[in-house]
Amino acid sequence: MPAKAIADMAHSKGCEVIVDGAHSFNHFDFKIPDTGADYFATSLHKWLGAPFGSGMLYIKKDKIKNIWPLLGDDKPEGDDIRRFEWLGTRSFASEMAIGNAVDFMEGIGIQRKEARLRYLKDYWMNKVKDIPKVKFSTSALAKYSCAIASFSIDGWDGGDVNQKLFDDKRIFTTPIVYEKLNCVRVSPNIYNSIWEMDRLVEGIQNIAKATPPVKKTDK
């Protein structure tokens, strides 16, 4: 998404901007300030590979004093970002493991990681793009996507496609059934193999040939 353009427009109207970066941070190469966000939040288990329950909050320095912390701090009106770290009892093991995740990902390098993710996405999309019933909800252009891509199969509900991929191939995807979208999101990570991508392709091919399940209706 054109986050910077949206942020600039919002700022011109006197609005502040919050960016939900859960699926962008450590997914592809960018800097948080480049989004134009006043506030940026992300979970760290998705693309950084840190433990569940870990996250990161970014607030522009001049905005920190305006935000009241959820839990108390000895300087509640200060401008130190650490005043938002008071969370009560929590898992220190989880927090300490964030550093290991950062070290691991920096050892790979974000440019190499992004290239790998794009390769995996392009690999399976190119394999199924000519199947008549398969349609994409994600652009194949590099500036509009990285690892994530969504597809649908004519006549099939996204939830049914998701379930059949898991039942037949033990592939975990995410159904997106919202407003006009009725598709399945595929999000391979760097540890996924070409063998697994081929398994996904085979699953999509089989579903496109099969008859959709009959939906039960309430009487």
N, C-alpha and C. Protein backbone atom coordinates (compact mmCIF):
# COMPACT_ATOMS: atom_id res chain seq x y z
N MET A 1 0.84 -1.20 0.00
CA MET A 1 0.00 0.00 0.00
C MET A 1 0.88 1.25 0.00
N PRO A 2 0.40 2.33 -0.59
CA PRO A 2 1.18 3.57 -0.62
C PRO A 2 1.10 4.31 0.72
N ALA A 3 1.71 3.75 1.73
CA ALA A 3 1.56 4.28 3.09
C ALA A 3 2.00 5.74 3.18
N LYS A 4 3.12 6.08 2.55
CA LYS A 4 3.64 7.45 2.65
C LYS A 4 2.67 8.45 2.01
N ALA A 5 2.13 8.11 0.87
CA ALA A 5 1.19 9.00 0.19
C ALA A 5 -0.07 9.20 1.02
N ILE A 6 -0.55 8.12 1.63
CA ILE A 6 -1.73 8.22 2.49
C ILE A 6 -1.42 9.06 3.72
N ALA A 7 -0.24 8.83 4.31
CA ALA A 7 0.16 9.59 5.50
C ALA A 7 0.29 11.08 5.18
N ASP A 8 0.90 11.39 4.04
CA ASP A 8 1.06 12.79 3.65
C ASP A 8 -0.30 13.47 3.48
N MET A 9 -1.23 12.77 2.85
CA MET A 9 -2.57 13.33 2.65
C MET A 9 -3.26 13.56 3.99
N ALA A 10 -3.14 12.58 4.89
CA ALA A 10 -3.76 12.70 6.21
C ALA A 10 -3.15 13.85 7.00
N HIS A 11 -1.83 13.96 6.94
CA HIS A 11 -1.16 15.05 7.66
C HIS A 11 -1.58 16.42 7.13
N SER A 12 -1.83 16.50 5.82
CA SER A 12 -2.24 17.78 5.23
C SER A 12 -3.62 18.22 5.73
N LYS A 13 -4.38 17.25 6.27
CA LYS A 13 -5.71 17.55 6.81
C LYS A 13 -5.68 17.64 8.34
N GLY A 14 -4.48 17.61 8.91
CA GLY A 14 -4.36 17.71 10.36
C GLY A 14 -4.57 16.41 11.11
N CYS A 15 -4.56 15.29 10.39
CA CYS A 15 -4.76 13.97 11.02
C CYS A 15 -3.43 13.34 11.42
N GLU A 16 -3.47 12.50 12.43
CA GLU A 16 -2.32 11.68 12.77
C GLU A 16 -2.51 10.30 12.16
N VAL A 17 -1.41 9.59 11.97
CA VAL A 17 -1.45 8.34 11.21
C VAL A 17 -0.92 7.17 12.04
N ILE A 18 -1.73 6.13 12.11
CA ILE A 18 -1.33 4.87 12.76
C ILE A 18 -1.20 3.82 11.67
N VAL A 19 -0.06 3.13 11.62
CA VAL A 19 0.15 2.07 10.65
C VAL A 19 0.19 0.72 11.36
N ASP A 20 -0.66 -0.20 10.91
CA ASP A 20 -0.62 -1.58 11.37
C ASP A 20 0.39 -2.31 10.48
N GLY A 21 1.56 -2.56 11.03
CA GLY A 21 2.65 -3.14 10.24
C GLY A 21 2.89 -4.61 10.47
N ALA A 22 1.85 -5.34 10.91
CA ALA A 22 2.05 -6.74 11.29
C ALA A 22 2.58 -7.60 10.14
N HIS A 23 2.16 -7.30 8.91
CA HIS A 23 2.60 -8.13 7.78
C HIS A 23 3.65 -7.44 6.91
N SER A 24 4.25 -6.37 7.42
CA SER A 24 5.28 -5.70 6.64
C SER A 24 6.65 -5.74 7.30
N PHE A 25 6.68 -5.66 8.63
CA PHE A 25 7.95 -5.56 9.34
C PHE A 25 8.77 -6.84 9.16
N ASN A 26 10.01 -6.67 8.68
CA ASN A 26 10.94 -7.77 8.40
C ASN A 26 10.43 -8.72 7.31
N HIS A 27 9.48 -8.24 6.54
CA HIS A 27 8.96 -8.99 5.39
C HIS A 27 9.70 -8.54 4.14
N PHE A 28 9.83 -7.23 3.99
CA PHE A 28 10.58 -6.67 2.87
C PHE A 28 11.35 -5.46 3.37
N ASP A 29 12.20 -4.94 2.53
CA ASP A 29 13.15 -3.90 2.93
C ASP A 29 12.49 -2.52 2.95
N PHE A 30 12.30 -1.96 4.12
CA PHE A 30 11.82 -0.58 4.25
C PHE A 30 12.20 -0.08 5.64
N LYS A 31 12.12 1.23 5.82
CA LYS A 31 12.38 1.85 7.12
C LYS A 31 11.06 2.42 7.64
N ILE A 32 10.78 2.23 8.90
CA ILE A 32 9.51 2.68 9.48
C ILE A 32 9.26 4.17 9.23
N PRO A 33 10.24 5.06 9.43
CA PRO A 33 9.97 6.48 9.16
C PRO A 33 9.56 6.76 7.72
N ASP A 34 9.96 5.88 6.79
CA ASP A 34 9.60 6.09 5.38
C ASP A 34 8.11 5.93 5.13
N THR A 35 7.38 5.31 6.06
CA THR A 35 5.93 5.15 5.89
C THR A 35 5.18 6.44 6.20
N GLY A 36 5.86 7.36 6.88
CA GLY A 36 5.19 8.59 7.29
C GLY A 36 4.34 8.43 8.53
N ALA A 37 4.41 7.27 9.18
CA ALA A 37 3.55 6.99 10.34
C ALA A 37 3.96 7.82 11.55
N ASP A 38 2.95 8.26 12.28
CA ASP A 38 3.20 8.84 13.60
C ASP A 38 3.33 7.73 14.63
N TYR A 39 2.57 6.66 14.37
CA TYR A 39 2.58 5.49 15.26
C TYR A 39 2.62 4.24 14.37
N PHE A 40 3.46 3.29 14.74
CA PHE A 40 3.61 2.06 13.95
C PHE A 40 3.68 0.90 14.94
N ALA A 41 2.84 -0.10 14.75
CA ALA A 41 2.84 -1.26 15.63
C ALA A 41 2.93 -2.53 14.80
N THR A 42 3.62 -3.52 15.35
CA THR A 42 3.75 -4.80 14.64
C THR A 42 3.90 -5.94 15.62
N SER A 43 3.40 -7.09 15.25
CA SER A 43 3.72 -8.32 15.97
C SER A 43 5.06 -8.81 15.45
N LEU A 44 5.80 -9.52 16.27
CA LEU A 44 7.14 -9.95 15.87
C LEU A 44 7.23 -11.44 15.54
N HIS A 45 6.14 -12.18 15.74
CA HIS A 45 6.20 -13.61 15.45
C HIS A 45 5.99 -13.91 13.97
N LYS A 46 5.39 -12.98 13.22
CA LYS A 46 5.05 -13.30 11.83
C LYS A 46 6.27 -13.43 10.93
N TRP A 47 6.97 -12.32 10.70
CA TRP A 47 8.06 -12.34 9.73
C TRP A 47 9.44 -12.25 10.37
N LEU A 48 9.50 -11.77 11.60
CA LEU A 48 10.79 -11.79 12.30
C LEU A 48 11.08 -13.16 12.88
N GLY A 49 10.02 -13.91 13.20
CA GLY A 49 10.22 -15.25 13.76
C GLY A 49 10.48 -15.24 15.25
N ALA A 50 10.11 -14.16 15.94
CA ALA A 50 10.24 -14.09 17.39
C ALA A 50 9.06 -14.84 18.03
N PRO A 51 9.09 -15.06 19.34
CA PRO A 51 8.02 -15.82 20.00
C PRO A 51 6.65 -15.15 19.90
N PHE A 52 5.60 -15.97 20.00
CA PHE A 52 4.24 -15.45 20.06
C PHE A 52 4.11 -14.51 21.25
N GLY A 53 3.31 -13.47 21.07
CA GLY A 53 3.09 -12.54 22.16
C GLY A 53 4.07 -11.39 22.21
N SER A 54 5.07 -11.41 21.33
CA SER A 54 6.03 -10.31 21.31
C SER A 54 5.64 -9.31 20.23
N GLY A 55 5.93 -8.05 20.47
CA GLY A 55 5.56 -7.02 19.51
C GLY A 55 6.46 -5.81 19.64
N MET A 56 6.23 -4.83 18.79
CA MET A 56 7.02 -3.62 18.81
C MET A 56 6.12 -2.41 18.55
N LEU A 57 6.36 -1.35 19.30
CA LEU A 57 5.63 -0.10 19.14
C LEU A 57 6.62 1.01 18.82
N TYR A 58 6.32 1.75 17.74
CA TYR A 58 7.11 2.92 17.34
C TYR A 58 6.22 4.14 17.46
N ILE A 59 6.72 5.16 18.11
CA ILE A 59 6.01 6.44 18.20
C ILE A 59 7.02 7.54 17.90
N LYS A 60 6.65 8.48 17.05
CA LYS A 60 7.53 9.61 16.79
C LYS A 60 7.86 10.31 18.10
N LYS A 61 9.11 10.72 18.20
CA LYS A 61 9.60 11.30 19.45
C LYS A 61 8.69 12.41 19.97
N ASP A 62 8.22 13.28 19.11
CA ASP A 62 7.43 14.43 19.57
C ASP A 62 5.99 14.06 19.91
N LYS A 63 5.62 12.79 19.65
CA LYS A 63 4.25 12.34 19.95
C LYS A 63 4.18 11.58 21.27
N ILE A 64 5.32 11.13 21.78
CA ILE A 64 5.33 10.25 22.95
C ILE A 64 4.64 10.88 24.14
N LYS A 65 4.91 12.13 24.39
CA LYS A 65 4.37 12.80 25.57
C LYS A 65 2.85 12.94 25.51
N ASN A 66 2.26 12.82 24.32
CA ASN A 66 0.82 13.00 24.17
C ASN A 66 0.02 11.73 24.44
N ILE A 67 0.69 10.59 24.51
CA ILE A 67 0.02 9.30 24.66
C ILE A 67 0.12 8.81 26.09
N TRP A 68 -1.01 8.55 26.71
CA TRP A 68 -1.03 8.09 28.09
C TRP A 68 -0.76 6.59 28.12
N PRO A 69 0.20 6.13 28.95
CA PRO A 69 0.48 4.70 29.01
C PRO A 69 -0.66 3.92 29.64
N LEU A 70 -0.86 2.70 29.18
CA LEU A 70 -1.94 1.86 29.70
C LEU A 70 -1.75 1.59 31.19
N LEU A 71 -0.51 1.28 31.58
CA LEU A 71 -0.20 1.03 32.98
C LEU A 71 0.72 2.14 33.48
N GLY A 72 0.78 2.29 34.79
CA GLY A 72 1.48 3.41 35.40
C GLY A 72 2.98 3.41 35.18
N ASP A 73 3.55 4.61 35.28
CA ASP A 73 4.99 4.80 35.17
C ASP A 73 5.35 5.96 36.10
N ASP A 74 6.60 6.00 36.54
CA ASP A 74 6.97 7.07 37.46
C ASP A 74 7.09 8.43 36.76
N LYS A 75 7.10 8.42 35.42
CA LYS A 75 7.12 9.67 34.65
C LYS A 75 6.04 9.59 33.56
N PRO A 76 4.76 9.59 33.96
CA PRO A 76 3.68 9.37 32.99
C PRO A 76 3.58 10.42 31.90
N GLU A 77 4.17 11.59 32.12
CA GLU A 77 4.10 12.63 31.10
C GLU A 77 5.45 12.85 30.42
N GLY A 78 6.36 11.89 30.59
CA GLY A 78 7.68 12.01 29.99
C GLY A 78 7.68 11.70 28.51
N ASP A 79 8.85 11.85 27.88
CA ASP A 79 8.97 11.58 26.44
C ASP A 79 9.89 10.40 26.16
N ASP A 80 10.00 9.49 27.14
CA ASP A 80 10.81 8.27 26.99
C ASP A 80 9.89 7.13 26.56
N ILE A 81 10.19 6.52 25.42
CA ILE A 81 9.35 5.44 24.88
C ILE A 81 9.22 4.27 25.84
N ARG A 82 10.19 4.13 26.75
CA ARG A 82 10.18 2.99 27.66
C ARG A 82 9.03 3.05 28.67
N ARG A 83 8.37 4.18 28.78
CA ARG A 83 7.26 4.24 29.73
C ARG A 83 6.06 3.42 29.27
N PHE A 84 6.08 2.97 28.01
CA PHE A 84 5.03 2.09 27.52
C PHE A 84 5.35 0.61 27.74
N GLU A 85 6.50 0.32 28.31
CA GLU A 85 6.91 -1.07 28.50
C GLU A 85 6.39 -1.67 29.81
N TRP A 86 5.72 -0.87 30.62
CA TRP A 86 5.15 -1.40 31.86
C TRP A 86 3.90 -2.20 31.53
N LEU A 87 4.03 -3.53 31.59
CA LEU A 87 2.92 -4.40 31.19
C LEU A 87 2.51 -5.39 32.27
N GLY A 88 3.04 -5.22 33.48
CA GLY A 88 2.75 -6.19 34.52
C GLY A 88 3.57 -7.45 34.32
N THR A 89 3.11 -8.56 34.89
CA THR A 89 3.83 -9.83 34.77
C THR A 89 3.79 -10.32 33.33
N ARG A 90 4.93 -10.69 32.80
CA ARG A 90 4.99 -11.16 31.42
C ARG A 90 6.16 -12.12 31.28
N SER A 91 6.29 -12.71 30.11
CA SER A 91 7.33 -13.71 29.85
C SER A 91 8.64 -13.04 29.45
N PHE A 92 9.61 -13.05 30.36
CA PHE A 92 10.91 -12.48 30.03
C PHE A 92 11.67 -13.37 29.04
N ALA A 93 11.38 -14.68 29.07
CA ALA A 93 12.03 -15.58 28.11
C ALA A 93 11.65 -15.19 26.69
N SER A 94 10.36 -14.84 26.50
CA SER A 94 9.90 -14.41 25.19
C SER A 94 10.61 -13.14 24.75
N GLU A 95 10.74 -12.19 25.66
CA GLU A 95 11.39 -10.93 25.32
C GLU A 95 12.88 -11.14 24.99
N MET A 96 13.52 -11.98 25.76
CA MET A 96 14.95 -12.23 25.53
C MET A 96 15.19 -12.91 24.19
N ALA A 97 14.23 -13.74 23.76
CA ALA A 97 14.38 -14.47 22.50
C ALA A 97 14.26 -13.56 21.29
N ILE A 98 13.70 -12.36 21.46
CA ILE A 98 13.59 -11.43 20.35
C ILE A 98 14.98 -11.13 19.79
N GLY A 99 15.95 -10.96 20.69
CA GLY A 99 17.32 -10.68 20.26
C GLY A 99 17.89 -11.78 19.38
N ASN A 100 17.59 -13.04 19.71
CA ASN A 100 18.06 -14.15 18.89
C ASN A 100 17.42 -14.13 17.50
N ALA A 101 16.13 -13.77 17.47
CA ALA A 101 15.44 -13.68 16.18
C ALA A 101 16.05 -12.58 15.33
N VAL A 102 16.35 -11.44 15.95
CA VAL A 102 16.97 -10.33 15.22
C VAL A 102 18.34 -10.75 14.69
N ASP A 103 19.15 -11.40 15.53
CA ASP A 103 20.48 -11.85 15.10
C ASP A 103 20.38 -12.81 13.91
N PHE A 104 19.41 -13.73 13.99
CA PHE A 104 19.25 -14.70 12.91
C PHE A 104 18.88 -14.03 11.60
N MET A 105 17.92 -13.10 11.66
CA MET A 105 17.48 -12.44 10.45
C MET A 105 18.54 -11.50 9.90
N GLU A 106 19.29 -10.85 10.77
CA GLU A 106 20.37 -9.98 10.28
C GLU A 106 21.48 -10.81 9.64
N GLY A 107 21.64 -12.04 10.12
CA GLY A 107 22.62 -12.93 9.49
C GLY A 107 22.24 -13.27 8.06
N ILE A 108 20.93 -13.36 7.81
CA ILE A 108 20.45 -13.61 6.45
C ILE A 108 20.52 -12.33 5.62
N GLY A 109 20.04 -11.24 6.20
CA GLY A 109 19.99 -9.96 5.47
C GLY A 109 18.62 -9.75 4.87
N ILE A 110 18.04 -8.57 5.07
CA ILE A 110 16.67 -8.33 4.60
C ILE A 110 16.57 -8.38 3.08
N GLN A 111 17.62 -7.97 2.37
CA GLN A 111 17.54 -8.01 0.90
C GLN A 111 17.49 -9.45 0.40
N ARG A 112 18.31 -10.31 0.99
CA ARG A 112 18.30 -11.73 0.59
C ARG A 112 16.99 -12.40 0.99
N LYS A 113 16.49 -12.02 2.17
CA LYS A 113 15.22 -12.59 2.62
C LYS A 113 14.09 -12.19 1.68
N GLU A 114 14.03 -10.91 1.34
CA GLU A 114 12.99 -10.43 0.43
C GLU A 114 13.07 -11.14 -0.91
N ALA A 115 14.28 -11.33 -1.43
CA ALA A 115 14.45 -12.00 -2.71
C ALA A 115 13.93 -13.44 -2.64
N ARG A 116 14.21 -14.12 -1.52
CA ARG A 116 13.74 -15.50 -1.34
C ARG A 116 12.21 -15.55 -1.29
N LEU A 117 11.62 -14.63 -0.54
CA LEU A 117 10.17 -14.61 -0.41
C LEU A 117 9.49 -14.34 -1.74
N ARG A 118 10.05 -13.41 -2.50
CA ARG A 118 9.49 -13.11 -3.82
C ARG A 118 9.61 -14.32 -4.75
N TYR A 119 10.74 -15.00 -4.66
CA TYR A 119 10.94 -16.18 -5.50
C TYR A 119 9.89 -17.24 -5.22
N LEU A 120 9.62 -17.51 -3.94
CA LEU A 120 8.64 -18.54 -3.59
C LEU A 120 7.24 -18.15 -4.06
N LYS A 121 6.87 -16.88 -3.85
CA LYS A 121 5.55 -16.41 -4.28
C LYS A 121 5.41 -16.51 -5.80
N ASP A 122 6.42 -16.02 -6.52
CA ASP A 122 6.36 -16.05 -7.98
C ASP A 122 6.34 -17.48 -8.50
N TYR A 123 7.02 -18.38 -7.81
CA TYR A 123 7.11 -19.77 -8.26
C TYR A 123 5.73 -20.41 -8.32
N TRP A 124 4.98 -20.36 -7.20
CA TRP A 124 3.68 -21.05 -7.21
C TRP A 124 2.64 -20.30 -8.04
N MET A 125 2.72 -18.96 -8.06
CA MET A 125 1.76 -18.20 -8.85
C MET A 125 1.92 -18.50 -10.34
N ASN A 126 3.15 -18.58 -10.81
CA ASN A 126 3.39 -18.87 -12.23
C ASN A 126 2.93 -20.27 -12.61
N LYS A 127 2.95 -21.18 -11.64
CA LYS A 127 2.54 -22.56 -11.91
C LYS A 127 1.03 -22.70 -12.07
N VAL A 128 0.25 -21.81 -11.43
CA VAL A 128 -1.20 -21.98 -11.46
C VAL A 128 -1.93 -20.87 -12.22
N LYS A 129 -1.19 -19.88 -12.71
CA LYS A 129 -1.85 -18.71 -13.32
C LYS A 129 -2.65 -19.04 -14.57
N ASP A 130 -2.32 -20.12 -15.24
CA ASP A 130 -3.03 -20.46 -16.48
C ASP A 130 -4.16 -21.45 -16.26
N ILE A 131 -4.41 -21.84 -15.03
CA ILE A 131 -5.56 -22.71 -14.74
C ILE A 131 -6.83 -21.86 -14.89
N PRO A 132 -7.75 -22.25 -15.76
CA PRO A 132 -8.91 -21.39 -16.08
C PRO A 132 -9.70 -20.90 -14.88
N LYS A 133 -9.89 -21.73 -13.87
CA LYS A 133 -10.74 -21.36 -12.74
C LYS A 133 -10.02 -20.55 -11.66
N VAL A 134 -8.72 -20.46 -11.76
CA VAL A 134 -7.94 -19.78 -10.72
C VAL A 134 -7.83 -18.29 -11.01
N LYS A 135 -8.14 -17.49 -10.01
CA LYS A 135 -8.03 -16.04 -10.13
C LYS A 135 -7.25 -15.49 -8.94
N PHE A 136 -6.45 -14.47 -9.19
CA PHE A 136 -5.65 -13.86 -8.13
C PHE A 136 -6.29 -12.57 -7.63
N SER A 137 -6.18 -12.35 -6.33
CA SER A 137 -6.60 -11.08 -5.74
C SER A 137 -5.39 -10.21 -5.43
N THR A 138 -4.21 -10.68 -5.80
CA THR A 138 -2.95 -9.98 -5.54
C THR A 138 -2.22 -9.76 -6.85
N SER A 139 -1.71 -8.58 -7.04
CA SER A 139 -0.92 -8.29 -8.24
C SER A 139 0.40 -9.03 -8.20
N ALA A 140 0.85 -9.48 -9.35
CA ALA A 140 2.15 -10.13 -9.44
C ALA A 140 3.29 -9.12 -9.56
N LEU A 141 2.96 -7.84 -9.73
CA LEU A 141 4.00 -6.82 -9.84
C LEU A 141 4.73 -6.65 -8.52
N ALA A 142 6.04 -6.54 -8.58
CA ALA A 142 6.88 -6.51 -7.39
C ALA A 142 6.53 -5.36 -6.45
N LYS A 143 6.11 -4.23 -7.00
CA LYS A 143 5.85 -3.07 -6.13
C LYS A 143 4.55 -3.21 -5.34
N TYR A 144 3.74 -4.21 -5.66
CA TYR A 144 2.47 -4.38 -4.97
C TYR A 144 2.42 -5.61 -4.07
N SER A 145 3.44 -6.43 -4.07
CA SER A 145 3.41 -7.64 -3.25
C SER A 145 4.81 -8.16 -3.04
N CYS A 146 4.95 -9.01 -2.02
CA CYS A 146 6.24 -9.67 -1.77
C CYS A 146 5.99 -11.17 -1.59
N ALA A 147 5.86 -11.64 -0.36
CA ALA A 147 5.65 -13.07 -0.15
C ALA A 147 4.19 -13.48 -0.26
N ILE A 148 3.30 -12.55 0.10
CA ILE A 148 1.89 -12.90 0.24
C ILE A 148 1.14 -12.76 -1.08
N ALA A 149 0.29 -13.74 -1.36
CA ALA A 149 -0.60 -13.65 -2.52
C ALA A 149 -1.88 -14.41 -2.20
N SER A 150 -2.99 -13.91 -2.71
CA SER A 150 -4.29 -14.56 -2.49
C SER A 150 -4.89 -15.00 -3.81
N PHE A 151 -5.59 -16.13 -3.76
CA PHE A 151 -6.22 -16.66 -4.98
C PHE A 151 -7.60 -17.19 -4.64
N SER A 152 -8.41 -17.34 -5.67
CA SER A 152 -9.73 -17.97 -5.53
C SER A 152 -9.91 -18.95 -6.67
N ILE A 153 -10.85 -19.85 -6.50
CA ILE A 153 -11.19 -20.83 -7.54
C ILE A 153 -12.68 -20.72 -7.81
N ASP A 154 -13.04 -20.48 -9.06
CA ASP A 154 -14.44 -20.28 -9.42
C ASP A 154 -15.31 -21.41 -8.88
N GLY A 155 -16.41 -21.02 -8.22
CA GLY A 155 -17.36 -21.98 -7.71
C GLY A 155 -17.07 -22.44 -6.30
N TRP A 156 -15.89 -22.10 -5.81
CA TRP A 156 -15.46 -22.56 -4.48
C TRP A 156 -15.47 -21.41 -3.48
N ASP A 157 -15.91 -21.72 -2.27
CA ASP A 157 -15.79 -20.77 -1.17
C ASP A 157 -14.36 -20.81 -0.63
N GLY A 158 -13.85 -19.64 -0.23
CA GLY A 158 -12.48 -19.59 0.27
C GLY A 158 -12.25 -20.51 1.46
N GLY A 159 -13.25 -20.60 2.33
CA GLY A 159 -13.11 -21.49 3.49
C GLY A 159 -13.00 -22.95 3.09
N ASP A 160 -13.74 -23.35 2.03
CA ASP A 160 -13.68 -24.73 1.57
C ASP A 160 -12.34 -25.04 0.91
N VAL A 161 -11.81 -24.08 0.15
CA VAL A 161 -10.49 -24.27 -0.46
C VAL A 161 -9.44 -24.42 0.63
N ASN A 162 -9.51 -23.56 1.62
CA ASN A 162 -8.57 -23.62 2.73
C ASN A 162 -8.62 -24.99 3.42
N GLN A 163 -9.83 -25.48 3.69
CA GLN A 163 -9.98 -26.75 4.40
C GLN A 163 -9.49 -27.92 3.56
N LYS A 164 -9.76 -27.89 2.25
CA LYS A 164 -9.36 -29.01 1.39
C LYS A 164 -7.84 -29.05 1.22
N LEU A 165 -7.21 -27.88 1.13
CA LEU A 165 -5.75 -27.86 1.06
C LEU A 165 -5.13 -28.49 2.31
N PHE A 166 -5.76 -28.23 3.45
CA PHE A 166 -5.23 -28.82 4.68
C PHE A 166 -5.54 -30.31 4.76
N ASP A 167 -6.76 -30.70 4.40
CA ASP A 167 -7.15 -32.10 4.48
C ASP A 167 -6.33 -32.96 3.52
N ASP A 168 -6.14 -32.47 2.30
CA ASP A 168 -5.49 -33.28 1.26
C ASP A 168 -3.97 -33.17 1.28
N LYS A 169 -3.46 -31.98 1.59
CA LYS A 169 -2.02 -31.74 1.45
C LYS A 169 -1.34 -31.29 2.73
N ARG A 170 -2.13 -31.12 3.80
CA ARG A 170 -1.59 -30.61 5.07
C ARG A 170 -0.89 -29.26 4.87
N ILE A 171 -1.50 -28.44 4.03
CA ILE A 171 -1.00 -27.09 3.78
C ILE A 171 -1.90 -26.10 4.52
N PHE A 172 -1.29 -25.26 5.34
CA PHE A 172 -2.04 -24.29 6.13
C PHE A 172 -2.06 -22.95 5.41
N THR A 173 -3.24 -22.48 5.06
CA THR A 173 -3.43 -21.17 4.45
C THR A 173 -4.45 -20.40 5.29
N THR A 174 -4.82 -19.23 4.83
CA THR A 174 -5.79 -18.41 5.57
C THR A 174 -6.94 -18.01 4.66
N PRO A 175 -8.17 -18.41 4.99
CA PRO A 175 -9.30 -17.97 4.17
C PRO A 175 -9.61 -16.50 4.42
N ILE A 176 -9.84 -15.77 3.35
CA ILE A 176 -10.22 -14.35 3.44
C ILE A 176 -11.61 -14.21 2.83
N VAL A 177 -12.62 -14.21 3.68
CA VAL A 177 -14.00 -14.07 3.22
C VAL A 177 -14.53 -12.81 3.87
N TYR A 178 -14.44 -11.70 3.13
CA TYR A 178 -14.79 -10.39 3.69
C TYR A 178 -15.20 -9.46 2.57
N GLU A 179 -16.38 -8.85 2.72
CA GLU A 179 -16.91 -7.97 1.69
C GLU A 179 -16.92 -8.70 0.33
N LYS A 180 -16.20 -8.17 -0.67
CA LYS A 180 -16.22 -8.78 -1.99
C LYS A 180 -15.11 -9.82 -2.18
N LEU A 181 -14.30 -10.02 -1.14
CA LEU A 181 -13.22 -11.01 -1.23
C LEU A 181 -13.71 -12.36 -0.74
N ASN A 182 -13.41 -13.39 -1.50
CA ASN A 182 -13.70 -14.76 -1.09
C ASN A 182 -12.56 -15.61 -1.64
N CYS A 183 -11.45 -15.59 -0.92
CA CYS A 183 -10.22 -16.17 -1.45
C CYS A 183 -9.40 -16.81 -0.34
N VAL A 184 -8.22 -17.25 -0.70
CA VAL A 184 -7.30 -17.89 0.24
C VAL A 184 -5.96 -17.19 0.17
N ARG A 185 -5.41 -16.84 1.32
CA ARG A 185 -4.11 -16.16 1.38
C ARG A 185 -3.00 -17.18 1.61
N VAL A 186 -1.97 -17.11 0.79
CA VAL A 186 -0.81 -18.00 0.90
C VAL A 186 0.39 -17.15 1.32
N SER A 187 1.05 -17.54 2.40
CA SER A 187 2.16 -16.74 2.94
C SER A 187 3.38 -17.62 3.22
N PRO A 188 4.10 -18.05 2.20
CA PRO A 188 5.29 -18.86 2.45
C PRO A 188 6.38 -18.05 3.13
N ASN A 189 7.15 -18.70 3.98
CA ASN A 189 8.28 -18.04 4.63
C ASN A 189 9.58 -18.63 4.10
N ILE A 190 10.70 -18.09 4.55
CA ILE A 190 11.98 -18.47 3.96
C ILE A 190 12.31 -19.95 4.14
N TYR A 191 11.74 -20.58 5.17
CA TYR A 191 12.03 -21.99 5.43
C TYR A 191 11.22 -22.93 4.56
N ASN A 192 10.23 -22.41 3.82
CA ASN A 192 9.46 -23.29 2.94
C ASN A 192 10.28 -23.67 1.72
N SER A 193 10.06 -24.89 1.26
CA SER A 193 10.86 -25.44 0.16
C SER A 193 10.08 -25.45 -1.14
N ILE A 194 10.80 -25.67 -2.23
CA ILE A 194 10.15 -25.80 -3.53
C ILE A 194 9.25 -27.02 -3.55
N TRP A 195 9.64 -28.06 -2.85
CA TRP A 195 8.80 -29.25 -2.75
C TRP A 195 7.44 -28.90 -2.17
N GLU A 196 7.43 -28.05 -1.16
CA GLU A 196 6.18 -27.63 -0.55
C GLU A 196 5.37 -26.74 -1.49
N MET A 197 6.06 -25.90 -2.26
CA MET A 197 5.35 -25.08 -3.24
C MET A 197 4.71 -25.97 -4.32
N ASP A 198 5.41 -27.01 -4.72
CA ASP A 198 4.84 -27.94 -5.70
C ASP A 198 3.64 -28.69 -5.12
N ARG A 199 3.70 -28.97 -3.84
CA ARG A 199 2.57 -29.61 -3.16
C ARG A 199 1.36 -28.68 -3.14
N LEU A 200 1.61 -27.40 -2.92
CA LEU A 200 0.53 -26.41 -2.98
C LEU A 200 -0.06 -26.35 -4.38
N VAL A 201 0.79 -26.29 -5.37
CA VAL A 201 0.33 -26.22 -6.77
C VAL A 201 -0.53 -27.44 -7.11
N GLU A 202 -0.09 -28.62 -6.70
CA GLU A 202 -0.85 -29.84 -6.97
C GLU A 202 -2.21 -29.78 -6.28
N GLY A 203 -2.22 -29.25 -5.06
CA GLY A 203 -3.49 -29.12 -4.35
C GLY A 203 -4.44 -28.19 -5.06
N ILE A 204 -3.95 -27.07 -5.56
CA ILE A 204 -4.79 -26.10 -6.28
C ILE A 204 -5.30 -26.72 -7.58
N GLN A 205 -4.43 -27.43 -8.28
CA GLN A 205 -4.83 -28.08 -9.53
C GLN A 205 -5.96 -29.09 -9.28
N ASN A 206 -5.83 -29.87 -8.22
CA ASN A 206 -6.84 -30.88 -7.91
C ASN A 206 -8.18 -30.25 -7.54
N ILE A 207 -8.13 -29.16 -6.77
CA ILE A 207 -9.36 -28.50 -6.37
C ILE A 207 -10.06 -27.89 -7.57
N ALA A 208 -9.28 -27.31 -8.49
CA ALA A 208 -9.86 -26.69 -9.69
C ALA A 208 -10.58 -27.71 -10.56
N LYS A 209 -10.18 -28.98 -10.48
CA LYS A 209 -10.80 -30.04 -11.27
C LYS A 209 -12.00 -30.66 -10.54
N ALA A 210 -12.08 -30.45 -9.23
CA ALA A 210 -13.10 -31.12 -8.42
C ALA A 210 -14.41 -30.32 -8.39
N THR A 211 -15.45 -31.00 -7.95
CA THR A 211 -16.75 -30.37 -7.80
C THR A 211 -16.83 -29.71 -6.43
N PRO A 212 -17.24 -28.47 -6.36
CA PRO A 212 -17.35 -27.80 -5.04
C PRO A 212 -18.35 -28.49 -4.14
N PRO A 213 -18.12 -28.49 -2.84
CA PRO A 213 -19.08 -29.11 -1.92
C PRO A 213 -20.40 -28.36 -1.93
N VAL A 214 -21.46 -29.10 -1.71
CA VAL A 214 -22.80 -28.51 -1.67
C VAL A 214 -23.01 -27.86 -0.31
N LYS A 215 -23.42 -26.61 -0.33
CA LYS A 215 -23.65 -25.88 0.91
C LYS A 215 -25.00 -26.29 1.51
N LYS A 216 -24.99 -26.56 2.82
CA LYS A 216 -26.23 -26.86 3.51
C LYS A 216 -26.97 -25.57 3.80
N THR A 217 -28.25 -25.58 3.60
CA THR A 217 -29.07 -24.39 3.87
C THR A 217 -30.04 -24.68 5.00
N ASP A 218 -30.31 -23.67 5.79
CA ASP A 218 -31.27 -23.82 6.89
C ASP A 218 -32.68 -23.89 6.34
N LYS A 219 -33.48 -24.79 6.92
CA LYS A 219 -34.87 -24.92 6.49
C LYS A 219 -35.76 -24.09 7.41
